[in-house]
Structures are given as structure tokens and as C-alpha cells.
């Protein structure tokens, strides 16, 4: 885990870690474990407030984004977890420069709900296309305070 002071304003802490995602599906469970360990360590070592709900949502988002990268993008992929202020930023970078599709809600559809779920639980969600692929990023609130009640 890397810690850098002052990146997001006076006195703010930025904590991050990066994982290379293997070409098989075993990396999905490993990525979820890394997310849980990362947030637990950030709480213990950096005194970052992380709710149990935020930890669970982060693992869900990691699972969905890593699964999509492994399923739809052959080649190298990376996951970065970054804490800045009151969110954890989950970014998965893969080698396919095509924007993923968030399908409209359809309770009859089986599968392909991953990005729909991520967009619903994330504070922010976006995709950046790059010459070598794309970065899919979701921000998850670290506490259970609703957005409209934050100072």
C-alpha cells in the first residue's frame, strides 16, 4: 500500500494499490480479497473511516469490473484502488478501446447487469478511452452518509 500526503488538498491522505490481473478468472476472487485487505489496512494504518457497507460495495464493484475486463478484453489488465478524501476509487484498465454498454433495466434479462449495478451503487462512474484500451472507474463512498447529507 502506498501513502502520499497532500495529493487531494491540505492534510488529505491518498492511499493506493495496484494489481496486475491474470488472464484467467482466478484473478476475480484475488481482486476482491485485495479490495477487502486494502480497505481494512487503510482503516487501521491510515485511520480512514470505512463502513462495512462500503467494504461490501467495493468488493461487489471490483468483482463486476474485473469480471468484465477478463471476459471481454484479452491481454493485459490492471486494477487500481485509490482512497482520496471520502471515497475509494476503483479503476480497471484493459486493452480494448471500446466503451462498455450499460443495458437498460430489464428484470427478464439473465446476465449483463454488472455495469447497471455498478452505476447504481457508485457515487460516480465513468469510462475513459485511451490509445491502448480503456479505464473504467467507479467511486464508492467510504461511509454510509447519503450524498445529500454530506457537508
N, C-alpha and C. Protein backbone atom coordinates (compact mmCIF):
# COMPACT_ATOMS: atom_id res chain seq x y z
N UNK A 1 0.86 -1.16 0.00
CA UNK A 1 0.00 0.00 0.00
C UNK A 1 0.90 1.22 0.00
N UNK A 2 0.58 2.15 -0.83
CA UNK A 2 1.35 3.38 -0.94
C UNK A 2 0.54 4.50 -0.29
N UNK A 3 1.22 5.37 0.46
CA UNK A 3 0.55 6.51 1.07
C UNK A 3 1.29 7.77 0.69
N UNK A 4 0.56 8.75 0.22
CA UNK A 4 1.15 10.02 -0.16
C UNK A 4 0.32 11.12 0.49
N UNK A 5 0.98 12.05 1.20
CA UNK A 5 0.26 13.14 1.83
C UNK A 5 0.09 14.31 0.88
N UNK A 6 -1.03 15.02 1.03
CA UNK A 6 -1.23 16.29 0.36
C UNK A 6 -1.71 16.22 -1.07
N UNK A 7 -2.01 15.07 -1.62
CA UNK A 7 -2.41 14.96 -3.02
C UNK A 7 -3.78 15.57 -3.30
N UNK A 8 -4.70 15.53 -2.33
CA UNK A 8 -6.06 15.99 -2.59
C UNK A 8 -6.42 17.21 -1.76
N UNK A 9 -5.46 18.02 -1.43
CA UNK A 9 -5.72 19.21 -0.63
C UNK A 9 -4.91 19.16 0.64
N UNK A 10 -4.94 20.23 1.39
CA UNK A 10 -4.13 20.32 2.61
C UNK A 10 -4.49 19.22 3.60
N UNK A 11 -3.49 18.44 3.98
CA UNK A 11 -3.67 17.43 5.01
C UNK A 11 -4.39 16.17 4.58
N UNK A 12 -4.84 16.08 3.34
CA UNK A 12 -5.56 14.89 2.88
C UNK A 12 -4.57 13.76 2.63
N UNK A 13 -5.02 12.54 2.81
CA UNK A 13 -4.19 11.37 2.53
C UNK A 13 -4.68 10.70 1.26
N UNK A 14 -3.75 10.26 0.46
CA UNK A 14 -4.08 9.44 -0.71
C UNK A 14 -3.39 8.11 -0.50
N UNK A 15 -4.14 7.06 -0.56
CA UNK A 15 -3.63 5.71 -0.36
C UNK A 15 -4.04 4.92 -1.59
N UNK A 16 -3.09 4.13 -2.15
CA UNK A 16 -3.43 3.37 -3.35
C UNK A 16 -2.67 2.06 -3.42
N UNK A 17 -3.18 1.17 -4.24
CA UNK A 17 -2.52 -0.09 -4.55
C UNK A 17 -2.92 -0.50 -5.96
N UNK A 18 -2.03 -1.24 -6.62
CA UNK A 18 -2.28 -1.69 -8.00
C UNK A 18 -2.07 -3.19 -8.06
N UNK A 19 -2.92 -3.85 -8.86
CA UNK A 19 -2.83 -5.30 -9.05
C UNK A 19 -2.86 -5.60 -10.54
N UNK A 20 -1.91 -6.40 -11.00
CA UNK A 20 -1.95 -6.91 -12.37
C UNK A 20 -2.93 -8.07 -12.39
N UNK A 21 -3.86 -8.03 -13.33
CA UNK A 21 -4.89 -9.06 -13.42
C UNK A 21 -4.44 -10.15 -14.39
N UNK A 22 -4.41 -11.38 -13.91
CA UNK A 22 -4.00 -12.50 -14.75
C UNK A 22 -5.05 -12.74 -15.83
N UNK A 23 -4.72 -13.59 -16.78
CA UNK A 23 -5.62 -13.85 -17.90
C UNK A 23 -6.73 -14.82 -17.59
N UNK A 24 -6.79 -15.38 -16.39
CA UNK A 24 -7.85 -16.32 -16.08
C UNK A 24 -8.78 -15.75 -15.01
N UNK A 25 -9.84 -16.47 -14.71
CA UNK A 25 -10.85 -15.96 -13.79
C UNK A 25 -10.45 -16.02 -12.32
N UNK A 26 -9.33 -16.67 -12.00
CA UNK A 26 -8.89 -16.73 -10.59
C UNK A 26 -8.55 -15.33 -10.06
N UNK A 27 -8.27 -14.41 -10.95
CA UNK A 27 -7.92 -13.06 -10.51
C UNK A 27 -9.13 -12.31 -9.95
N UNK A 28 -10.34 -12.75 -10.24
CA UNK A 28 -11.54 -12.06 -9.76
C UNK A 28 -11.63 -12.18 -8.24
N UNK A 29 -11.51 -13.39 -7.71
CA UNK A 29 -11.54 -13.60 -6.27
C UNK A 29 -10.34 -12.92 -5.60
N UNK A 30 -9.18 -13.00 -6.25
CA UNK A 30 -7.98 -12.34 -5.69
C UNK A 30 -8.17 -10.83 -5.62
N UNK A 31 -8.82 -10.25 -6.61
CA UNK A 31 -9.07 -8.81 -6.62
C UNK A 31 -10.04 -8.43 -5.50
N UNK A 32 -11.07 -9.24 -5.27
CA UNK A 32 -12.00 -8.98 -4.16
C UNK A 32 -11.28 -9.04 -2.82
N UNK A 33 -10.40 -10.04 -2.65
CA UNK A 33 -9.63 -10.15 -1.40
C UNK A 33 -8.72 -8.95 -1.22
N UNK A 34 -8.06 -8.54 -2.30
CA UNK A 34 -7.18 -7.37 -2.23
C UNK A 34 -7.98 -6.13 -1.81
N UNK A 35 -9.17 -5.95 -2.37
CA UNK A 35 -10.00 -4.79 -2.02
C UNK A 35 -10.34 -4.80 -0.53
N UNK A 36 -10.74 -5.95 0.00
CA UNK A 36 -11.07 -6.05 1.42
C UNK A 36 -9.85 -5.77 2.28
N UNK A 37 -8.71 -6.38 1.94
CA UNK A 37 -7.48 -6.16 2.69
C UNK A 37 -7.03 -4.70 2.61
N UNK A 38 -7.14 -4.11 1.44
CA UNK A 38 -6.74 -2.72 1.22
C UNK A 38 -7.56 -1.77 2.11
N UNK A 39 -8.87 -1.94 2.11
CA UNK A 39 -9.71 -1.05 2.92
C UNK A 39 -9.51 -1.29 4.42
N UNK A 40 -9.33 -2.54 4.80
CA UNK A 40 -9.06 -2.86 6.21
C UNK A 40 -7.76 -2.22 6.67
N UNK A 41 -6.72 -2.35 5.86
CA UNK A 41 -5.43 -1.74 6.20
C UNK A 41 -5.50 -0.22 6.19
N UNK A 42 -6.24 0.36 5.26
CA UNK A 42 -6.38 1.82 5.23
C UNK A 42 -7.04 2.31 6.51
N UNK A 43 -8.02 1.55 7.00
CA UNK A 43 -8.67 1.91 8.25
C UNK A 43 -7.71 1.82 9.43
N UNK A 44 -6.96 0.73 9.48
CA UNK A 44 -6.05 0.51 10.61
C UNK A 44 -4.80 1.39 10.55
N UNK A 45 -4.19 1.50 9.38
CA UNK A 45 -2.91 2.20 9.27
C UNK A 45 -3.03 3.69 9.00
N UNK A 46 -4.06 4.09 8.27
CA UNK A 46 -4.23 5.49 7.90
C UNK A 46 -5.39 6.15 8.64
N UNK A 47 -6.09 5.36 9.45
CA UNK A 47 -7.26 5.85 10.19
C UNK A 47 -8.35 6.40 9.26
N UNK A 48 -8.51 5.73 8.13
CA UNK A 48 -9.56 6.08 7.18
C UNK A 48 -10.84 5.40 7.65
N UNK A 49 -11.93 6.17 7.78
CA UNK A 49 -13.21 5.59 8.18
C UNK A 49 -13.80 4.82 7.00
N UNK A 50 -14.01 3.52 7.20
CA UNK A 50 -14.57 2.66 6.16
C UNK A 50 -15.70 1.84 6.80
N UNK A 51 -16.92 2.02 6.32
CA UNK A 51 -18.04 1.25 6.86
C UNK A 51 -18.03 -0.17 6.27
N UNK A 52 -18.69 -1.07 6.97
CA UNK A 52 -18.82 -2.45 6.47
C UNK A 52 -19.59 -2.45 5.15
N UNK A 53 -20.58 -1.56 5.04
CA UNK A 53 -21.36 -1.45 3.80
C UNK A 53 -20.45 -1.03 2.63
N UNK A 54 -19.58 -0.05 2.87
CA UNK A 54 -18.66 0.41 1.83
C UNK A 54 -17.70 -0.70 1.42
N UNK A 55 -17.24 -1.48 2.39
CA UNK A 55 -16.34 -2.59 2.07
C UNK A 55 -17.06 -3.60 1.17
N UNK A 56 -18.29 -3.93 1.50
CA UNK A 56 -19.06 -4.87 0.67
C UNK A 56 -19.34 -4.33 -0.72
N UNK A 57 -19.73 -3.05 -0.81
CA UNK A 57 -19.98 -2.45 -2.13
C UNK A 57 -18.71 -2.42 -2.97
N UNK A 58 -17.58 -2.12 -2.33
CA UNK A 58 -16.32 -2.07 -3.06
C UNK A 58 -15.98 -3.44 -3.62
N UNK A 59 -16.17 -4.49 -2.84
CA UNK A 59 -15.91 -5.84 -3.33
C UNK A 59 -16.85 -6.19 -4.49
N UNK A 60 -18.10 -5.77 -4.41
CA UNK A 60 -19.05 -6.01 -5.49
C UNK A 60 -18.61 -5.31 -6.77
N UNK A 61 -18.24 -4.03 -6.65
CA UNK A 61 -17.80 -3.26 -7.82
C UNK A 61 -16.53 -3.84 -8.41
N UNK A 62 -15.58 -4.20 -7.56
CA UNK A 62 -14.34 -4.83 -8.03
C UNK A 62 -14.68 -6.11 -8.80
N UNK A 63 -15.54 -6.93 -8.25
CA UNK A 63 -15.91 -8.18 -8.90
C UNK A 63 -16.51 -7.94 -10.27
N UNK A 64 -17.44 -6.99 -10.37
CA UNK A 64 -18.10 -6.71 -11.65
C UNK A 64 -17.12 -6.14 -12.68
N UNK A 65 -16.29 -5.18 -12.28
CA UNK A 65 -15.38 -4.55 -13.24
C UNK A 65 -14.27 -5.50 -13.69
N UNK A 66 -13.73 -6.27 -12.77
CA UNK A 66 -12.68 -7.23 -13.13
C UNK A 66 -13.26 -8.35 -13.99
N UNK A 67 -14.45 -8.82 -13.66
CA UNK A 67 -15.10 -9.84 -14.48
C UNK A 67 -15.28 -9.35 -15.91
N UNK A 68 -15.76 -8.11 -16.07
CA UNK A 68 -15.94 -7.56 -17.41
C UNK A 68 -14.62 -7.49 -18.17
N UNK A 69 -13.58 -7.02 -17.50
CA UNK A 69 -12.27 -6.91 -18.16
C UNK A 69 -11.77 -8.28 -18.59
N UNK A 70 -11.90 -9.28 -17.74
CA UNK A 70 -11.40 -10.61 -18.08
C UNK A 70 -12.27 -11.27 -19.15
N UNK A 71 -13.56 -11.02 -19.13
CA UNK A 71 -14.46 -11.65 -20.08
C UNK A 71 -14.38 -11.02 -21.47
N UNK A 72 -14.21 -9.71 -21.54
CA UNK A 72 -14.33 -9.00 -22.82
C UNK A 72 -13.03 -8.42 -23.37
N UNK A 73 -11.94 -8.52 -22.63
CA UNK A 73 -10.70 -7.88 -23.07
C UNK A 73 -9.52 -8.83 -22.91
N UNK A 74 -9.11 -9.48 -23.99
CA UNK A 74 -7.91 -10.31 -23.89
C UNK A 74 -6.70 -9.40 -23.69
N UNK A 75 -5.70 -9.94 -23.13
CA UNK A 75 -4.48 -9.14 -22.96
C UNK A 75 -4.34 -8.59 -21.56
N UNK A 76 -3.37 -7.71 -21.39
CA UNK A 76 -3.05 -7.20 -20.05
C UNK A 76 -4.18 -6.35 -19.47
N UNK A 77 -4.30 -6.43 -18.14
CA UNK A 77 -5.28 -5.62 -17.43
C UNK A 77 -4.72 -5.30 -16.04
N UNK A 78 -5.12 -4.15 -15.52
CA UNK A 78 -4.70 -3.71 -14.20
C UNK A 78 -5.90 -3.24 -13.41
N UNK A 79 -5.82 -3.37 -12.09
CA UNK A 79 -6.82 -2.78 -11.21
C UNK A 79 -6.08 -1.86 -10.25
N UNK A 80 -6.60 -0.67 -10.06
CA UNK A 80 -6.05 0.26 -9.07
C UNK A 80 -7.14 0.62 -8.09
N UNK A 81 -6.79 0.58 -6.81
CA UNK A 81 -7.67 1.05 -5.75
C UNK A 81 -7.00 2.28 -5.15
N UNK A 82 -7.77 3.33 -4.98
CA UNK A 82 -7.20 4.59 -4.50
C UNK A 82 -8.19 5.25 -3.56
N UNK A 83 -7.73 5.61 -2.37
CA UNK A 83 -8.57 6.34 -1.43
C UNK A 83 -8.16 7.80 -1.48
N UNK A 84 -9.13 8.65 -1.69
CA UNK A 84 -8.91 10.09 -1.65
C UNK A 84 -10.14 10.72 -1.00
N UNK A 85 -9.89 11.40 0.08
CA UNK A 85 -10.97 12.03 0.84
C UNK A 85 -11.97 10.98 1.30
N UNK A 86 -13.20 11.04 0.86
CA UNK A 86 -14.24 10.16 1.42
C UNK A 86 -14.70 9.06 0.47
N UNK A 87 -13.89 8.75 -0.55
CA UNK A 87 -14.26 7.68 -1.48
C UNK A 87 -13.10 6.74 -1.74
N UNK A 88 -13.43 5.55 -2.21
CA UNK A 88 -12.43 4.66 -2.79
C UNK A 88 -12.71 4.65 -4.28
N UNK A 89 -11.67 4.89 -5.04
CA UNK A 89 -11.76 4.90 -6.50
C UNK A 89 -11.29 3.53 -6.99
N UNK A 90 -12.16 2.83 -7.69
CA UNK A 90 -11.84 1.53 -8.26
C UNK A 90 -11.69 1.74 -9.76
N UNK A 91 -10.48 1.49 -10.28
CA UNK A 91 -10.23 1.64 -11.71
C UNK A 91 -9.70 0.34 -12.28
N UNK A 92 -10.31 -0.11 -13.36
CA UNK A 92 -9.82 -1.29 -14.07
C UNK A 92 -9.46 -0.84 -15.47
N UNK A 93 -8.21 -1.11 -15.84
CA UNK A 93 -7.70 -0.74 -17.16
C UNK A 93 -7.52 -2.02 -17.97
N UNK A 94 -8.06 -2.01 -19.21
CA UNK A 94 -7.87 -3.18 -20.06
C UNK A 94 -7.41 -2.75 -21.45
N UNK A 95 -7.28 -3.71 -22.36
CA UNK A 95 -6.65 -3.46 -23.66
C UNK A 95 -7.63 -3.24 -24.82
N UNK A 96 -8.92 -3.10 -24.53
CA UNK A 96 -9.91 -2.93 -25.60
C UNK A 96 -10.46 -1.50 -25.56
N UNK A 97 -10.17 -0.70 -26.60
CA UNK A 97 -10.62 0.70 -26.59
C UNK A 97 -12.07 0.88 -27.06
N UNK A 98 -12.97 0.13 -26.44
CA UNK A 98 -14.39 0.20 -26.77
C UNK A 98 -15.15 0.45 -25.47
N UNK A 99 -16.05 1.43 -25.51
CA UNK A 99 -16.87 1.77 -24.35
C UNK A 99 -17.85 0.64 -24.05
N UNK A 100 -17.89 0.16 -22.79
CA UNK A 100 -18.86 -0.89 -22.46
C UNK A 100 -20.28 -0.32 -22.45
N UNK A 101 -21.24 -1.18 -22.65
CA UNK A 101 -22.65 -0.77 -22.71
C UNK A 101 -23.34 -1.07 -21.39
N UNK A 102 -24.01 -0.05 -20.86
CA UNK A 102 -24.89 -0.27 -19.71
C UNK A 102 -26.28 -0.48 -20.28
N UNK A 103 -26.79 -1.68 -20.11
CA UNK A 103 -28.10 -2.02 -20.66
C UNK A 103 -29.20 -1.43 -19.80
N UNK A 104 -30.32 -1.10 -20.42
CA UNK A 104 -31.48 -0.63 -19.68
C UNK A 104 -31.97 -1.74 -18.75
N UNK A 105 -32.54 -1.33 -17.65
CA UNK A 105 -33.05 -2.29 -16.68
C UNK A 105 -34.08 -3.20 -17.34
N UNK A 106 -33.90 -4.50 -17.14
CA UNK A 106 -34.83 -5.48 -17.69
C UNK A 106 -34.84 -6.69 -16.76
N UNK A 107 -35.85 -6.81 -15.92
CA UNK A 107 -35.90 -7.92 -14.97
C UNK A 107 -35.99 -9.29 -15.63
N UNK A 108 -36.35 -9.34 -16.90
CA UNK A 108 -36.45 -10.61 -17.61
C UNK A 108 -35.10 -11.07 -18.16
N UNK A 109 -34.16 -10.14 -18.29
CA UNK A 109 -32.84 -10.47 -18.85
C UNK A 109 -32.03 -11.26 -17.83
N UNK A 110 -31.36 -12.29 -18.30
CA UNK A 110 -30.46 -13.06 -17.45
C UNK A 110 -29.05 -12.65 -17.82
N UNK A 111 -28.33 -12.12 -16.85
CA UNK A 111 -26.96 -11.69 -17.08
C UNK A 111 -26.89 -10.28 -17.63
N UNK A 112 -25.66 -9.81 -17.78
CA UNK A 112 -25.35 -8.47 -18.31
C UNK A 112 -25.94 -7.34 -17.46
N UNK A 113 -25.97 -7.53 -16.14
CA UNK A 113 -26.45 -6.50 -15.22
C UNK A 113 -25.30 -5.82 -14.49
N UNK A 114 -24.07 -6.26 -14.72
CA UNK A 114 -22.93 -5.79 -13.95
C UNK A 114 -22.74 -4.30 -13.93
N UNK A 115 -22.64 -3.68 -15.10
CA UNK A 115 -22.42 -2.23 -15.14
C UNK A 115 -23.64 -1.46 -14.66
N UNK A 116 -24.81 -2.02 -14.86
CA UNK A 116 -26.04 -1.43 -14.34
C UNK A 116 -25.96 -1.35 -12.81
N UNK A 117 -25.49 -2.42 -12.19
CA UNK A 117 -25.33 -2.46 -10.74
C UNK A 117 -24.26 -1.47 -10.29
N UNK A 118 -23.12 -1.47 -10.97
CA UNK A 118 -22.03 -0.57 -10.61
C UNK A 118 -22.49 0.88 -10.68
N UNK A 119 -23.16 1.25 -11.76
CA UNK A 119 -23.64 2.63 -11.92
C UNK A 119 -24.64 2.99 -10.82
N UNK A 120 -25.43 2.02 -10.37
CA UNK A 120 -26.43 2.28 -9.33
C UNK A 120 -25.81 2.51 -7.95
N UNK A 121 -24.73 1.80 -7.63
CA UNK A 121 -24.16 1.91 -6.27
C UNK A 121 -23.02 2.90 -6.16
N UNK A 122 -22.47 3.34 -7.28
CA UNK A 122 -21.31 4.24 -7.26
C UNK A 122 -21.72 5.69 -7.10
N UNK A 123 -20.88 6.45 -6.40
CA UNK A 123 -21.05 7.90 -6.32
C UNK A 123 -20.82 8.52 -7.70
N UNK A 124 -19.88 7.95 -8.43
CA UNK A 124 -19.53 8.43 -9.76
C UNK A 124 -19.05 7.22 -10.55
N UNK A 125 -19.31 7.22 -11.85
CA UNK A 125 -18.91 6.11 -12.71
C UNK A 125 -18.63 6.68 -14.10
N UNK A 126 -17.46 6.34 -14.65
CA UNK A 126 -17.13 6.84 -15.99
C UNK A 126 -16.12 5.93 -16.66
N UNK A 127 -16.03 6.09 -17.98
CA UNK A 127 -15.11 5.32 -18.81
C UNK A 127 -14.26 6.31 -19.59
N UNK A 128 -12.95 6.09 -19.60
CA UNK A 128 -12.04 6.90 -20.40
C UNK A 128 -11.37 6.00 -21.43
N UNK A 129 -11.59 6.31 -22.70
CA UNK A 129 -10.92 5.57 -23.76
C UNK A 129 -9.51 6.10 -23.90
N UNK A 130 -8.57 5.19 -24.17
CA UNK A 130 -7.17 5.53 -24.33
C UNK A 130 -6.65 4.82 -25.58
N UNK A 131 -5.52 5.25 -26.09
CA UNK A 131 -4.99 4.59 -27.30
C UNK A 131 -4.75 3.09 -27.12
N UNK A 132 -4.44 2.67 -25.88
CA UNK A 132 -4.14 1.26 -25.64
C UNK A 132 -5.29 0.49 -25.01
N UNK A 133 -6.45 1.10 -24.87
CA UNK A 133 -7.58 0.42 -24.25
C UNK A 133 -8.53 1.40 -23.59
N UNK A 134 -8.93 1.06 -22.36
CA UNK A 134 -9.84 1.94 -21.62
C UNK A 134 -9.60 1.80 -20.13
N UNK A 135 -10.08 2.81 -19.40
CA UNK A 135 -10.10 2.80 -17.94
C UNK A 135 -11.56 2.95 -17.51
N UNK A 136 -12.03 2.01 -16.73
CA UNK A 136 -13.38 2.06 -16.20
C UNK A 136 -13.23 2.36 -14.71
N UNK A 137 -13.87 3.44 -14.25
CA UNK A 137 -13.68 3.91 -12.88
C UNK A 137 -15.01 4.11 -12.19
N UNK A 138 -15.06 3.66 -10.94
CA UNK A 138 -16.23 3.88 -10.08
C UNK A 138 -15.72 4.40 -8.74
N UNK A 139 -16.41 5.39 -8.19
CA UNK A 139 -16.10 5.93 -6.87
C UNK A 139 -17.16 5.44 -5.89
N UNK A 140 -16.72 4.84 -4.79
CA UNK A 140 -17.61 4.31 -3.76
C UNK A 140 -17.40 5.11 -2.48
N UNK A 141 -18.49 5.60 -1.89
CA UNK A 141 -18.41 6.33 -0.62
C UNK A 141 -17.90 5.39 0.46
N UNK A 142 -17.01 5.90 1.31
CA UNK A 142 -16.42 5.08 2.38
C UNK A 142 -17.29 5.01 3.63
N UNK A 143 -18.24 5.91 3.74
CA UNK A 143 -19.14 5.89 4.89
C UNK A 143 -20.57 5.78 4.37
N UNK A 144 -21.51 5.63 5.28
CA UNK A 144 -22.90 5.43 4.90
C UNK A 144 -23.71 6.71 4.85
N UNK A 145 -23.05 7.87 4.93
CA UNK A 145 -23.76 9.15 4.88
C UNK A 145 -24.27 9.38 3.46
N UNK A 146 -25.56 9.58 3.28
CA UNK A 146 -26.09 9.83 1.94
C UNK A 146 -25.47 11.08 1.34
N UNK A 147 -25.35 11.09 0.01
CA UNK A 147 -24.74 12.21 -0.72
C UNK A 147 -25.36 13.54 -0.34
N UNK A 148 -26.68 13.59 -0.22
CA UNK A 148 -27.33 14.87 0.02
C UNK A 148 -27.21 15.35 1.46
N UNK A 149 -26.63 14.55 2.34
CA UNK A 149 -26.44 14.95 3.73
C UNK A 149 -25.00 15.26 4.07
N UNK A 150 -24.10 15.18 3.08
CA UNK A 150 -22.69 15.48 3.33
C UNK A 150 -22.52 16.99 3.42
N UNK A 151 -21.59 17.43 4.29
CA UNK A 151 -21.37 18.89 4.45
C UNK A 151 -20.87 19.54 3.20
